[in-house]
């Protein structure tokens, strides 16, 4: 059902969110998720979708440092779009990864910084 929804949404924060849910459901079952986008896309939303899903792949592999680096790249791209939904999604992923690494202070600091915006 989510895949049908995904296919009807043009590149946007909403489609990225749906793609992350599909990725999560598929990989929790032990399957692999095939990305629908490319890192070379000219569309910034498609490029972000690829980066976010790549960060989820890296997280699944236990590569938290690489996950953070990929999230940072996504945040740089997202900053040009001025889309609060994307900023929130990326911040959640960044906080989750920092928690997994035991970077509790960084997680709290980032949450407080964004809560003042």
Protein backbone atom coordinates (compact mmCIF):
# COMPACT_ATOMS: atom_id res chain seq x y z
CA UNK A 1 0.00 0.00 0.00
CA UNK A 2 2.78 2.46 0.87
CA UNK A 3 4.52 1.71 -2.40
CA UNK A 4 1.37 2.73 -4.30
CA UNK A 5 1.25 5.97 -2.29
CA UNK A 6 4.96 6.57 -2.96
CA UNK A 7 4.45 6.25 -6.71
CA UNK A 8 1.68 8.88 -6.73
CA UNK A 9 3.67 11.59 -4.91
CA UNK A 10 6.04 13.89 -6.77
CA UNK A 11 9.50 14.47 -5.23
CA UNK A 12 8.86 16.23 -1.91
CA UNK A 13 9.32 15.94 1.84
CA UNK A 14 6.16 13.82 1.97
CA UNK A 15 7.53 11.34 -0.55
CA UNK A 16 10.80 11.17 1.34
CA UNK A 17 8.91 10.37 4.53
CA UNK A 18 6.95 7.59 2.79
CA UNK A 19 10.21 6.18 1.37
CA UNK A 20 11.77 6.09 4.85
CA UNK A 21 8.75 4.20 6.22
CA UNK A 22 8.92 1.67 3.37
CA UNK A 23 12.67 1.27 3.95
CA UNK A 24 12.11 0.68 7.65
CA UNK A 25 9.36 -1.89 7.14
CA UNK A 26 11.29 -3.79 4.48
CA UNK A 27 14.66 -3.87 6.24
CA UNK A 28 13.15 -4.86 9.62
CA UNK A 29 11.92 -8.02 7.91
CA UNK A 30 15.46 -8.75 6.81
CA UNK A 31 14.93 -7.83 3.17
CA UNK A 32 16.85 -5.18 1.25
CA UNK A 33 15.25 -2.02 -0.07
CA UNK A 34 15.99 -0.86 -3.60
CA UNK A 35 16.22 2.92 -3.81
CA UNK A 36 13.99 4.55 -6.40
CA UNK A 37 16.33 7.53 -6.80
CA UNK A 38 19.96 8.16 -7.64
CA UNK A 39 22.70 10.11 -5.94
CA UNK A 40 23.19 11.91 -9.27
CA UNK A 41 19.65 13.28 -9.51
CA UNK A 42 19.30 16.92 -10.48
CA UNK A 43 16.14 17.24 -8.36
CA UNK A 44 17.17 18.25 -4.81
CA UNK A 45 14.31 16.27 -3.23
CA UNK A 46 15.31 13.11 -5.10
CA UNK A 47 18.92 13.70 -4.12
CA UNK A 48 17.86 14.11 -0.48
CA UNK A 49 15.76 10.98 -0.64
CA UNK A 50 18.78 9.04 -1.85
CA UNK A 51 21.01 10.50 0.90
CA UNK A 52 18.49 9.78 3.66
CA UNK A 53 17.89 6.21 2.49
CA UNK A 54 21.66 5.73 2.14
CA UNK A 55 22.06 6.91 5.75
CA UNK A 56 19.45 4.33 6.78
CA UNK A 57 21.37 1.61 4.91
CA UNK A 58 24.56 2.65 6.72
CA UNK A 59 22.75 2.67 10.05
CA UNK A 60 21.45 -0.86 9.37
CA UNK A 61 25.06 -1.92 8.73
CA UNK A 62 26.20 -0.40 12.04
CA UNK A 63 28.19 2.37 10.34
CA UNK A 64 27.04 5.23 12.57
CA UNK A 65 29.96 7.57 11.79
CA UNK A 66 29.26 7.24 8.06
CA UNK A 67 25.56 7.64 8.82
CA UNK A 68 26.23 10.99 10.51
CA UNK A 69 28.40 12.14 7.61
CA UNK A 70 25.65 11.25 5.13
CA UNK A 71 23.03 13.02 7.25
CA UNK A 72 25.27 16.11 7.32
CA UNK A 73 25.40 16.11 3.50
CA UNK A 74 21.62 15.83 3.43
CA UNK A 75 21.30 18.74 5.88
CA UNK A 76 23.46 20.92 3.64
CA UNK A 77 21.22 20.17 0.66
CA UNK A 78 18.04 20.58 2.73
CA UNK A 79 19.15 24.02 3.94
CA UNK A 80 18.71 25.34 0.40
CA UNK A 81 15.06 24.19 0.31
CA UNK A 82 13.86 25.90 3.50
CA UNK A 83 11.53 22.96 4.24
CA UNK A 84 10.81 22.51 7.98
CA UNK A 85 9.50 18.97 7.45
CA UNK A 86 12.83 17.89 5.99
CA UNK A 87 14.76 19.69 8.71
CA UNK A 88 12.74 17.83 11.36
CA UNK A 89 13.21 14.45 9.68
CA UNK A 90 16.96 14.97 9.38
CA UNK A 91 17.27 16.19 12.96
CA UNK A 92 15.48 13.08 14.21
CA UNK A 93 17.82 10.84 12.23
CA UNK A 94 20.85 12.79 13.48
CA UNK A 95 19.68 12.56 17.11
CA UNK A 96 18.95 8.83 16.81
CA UNK A 97 22.43 8.18 15.45
CA UNK A 98 24.10 10.33 18.10
CA UNK A 99 22.21 8.39 20.77
CA UNK A 100 23.41 5.11 19.27
CA UNK A 101 26.98 6.43 19.48
CA UNK A 102 26.53 7.57 23.07
CA UNK A 103 26.81 11.25 22.12
CA UNK A 104 24.11 12.29 24.59
CA UNK A 105 25.36 15.86 25.03
CA UNK A 106 25.36 16.50 21.27
CA UNK A 107 21.84 15.13 20.98
CA UNK A 108 20.50 17.37 23.73
CA UNK A 109 22.39 20.41 22.41
CA UNK A 110 21.00 19.94 18.87
CA UNK A 111 17.45 19.45 20.16
CA UNK A 112 17.60 22.65 22.20
CA UNK A 113 19.09 24.63 19.31
CA UNK A 114 16.29 23.62 16.97
CA UNK A 115 13.56 24.04 19.57
CA UNK A 116 14.40 27.78 19.75
CA UNK A 117 13.88 28.29 16.01
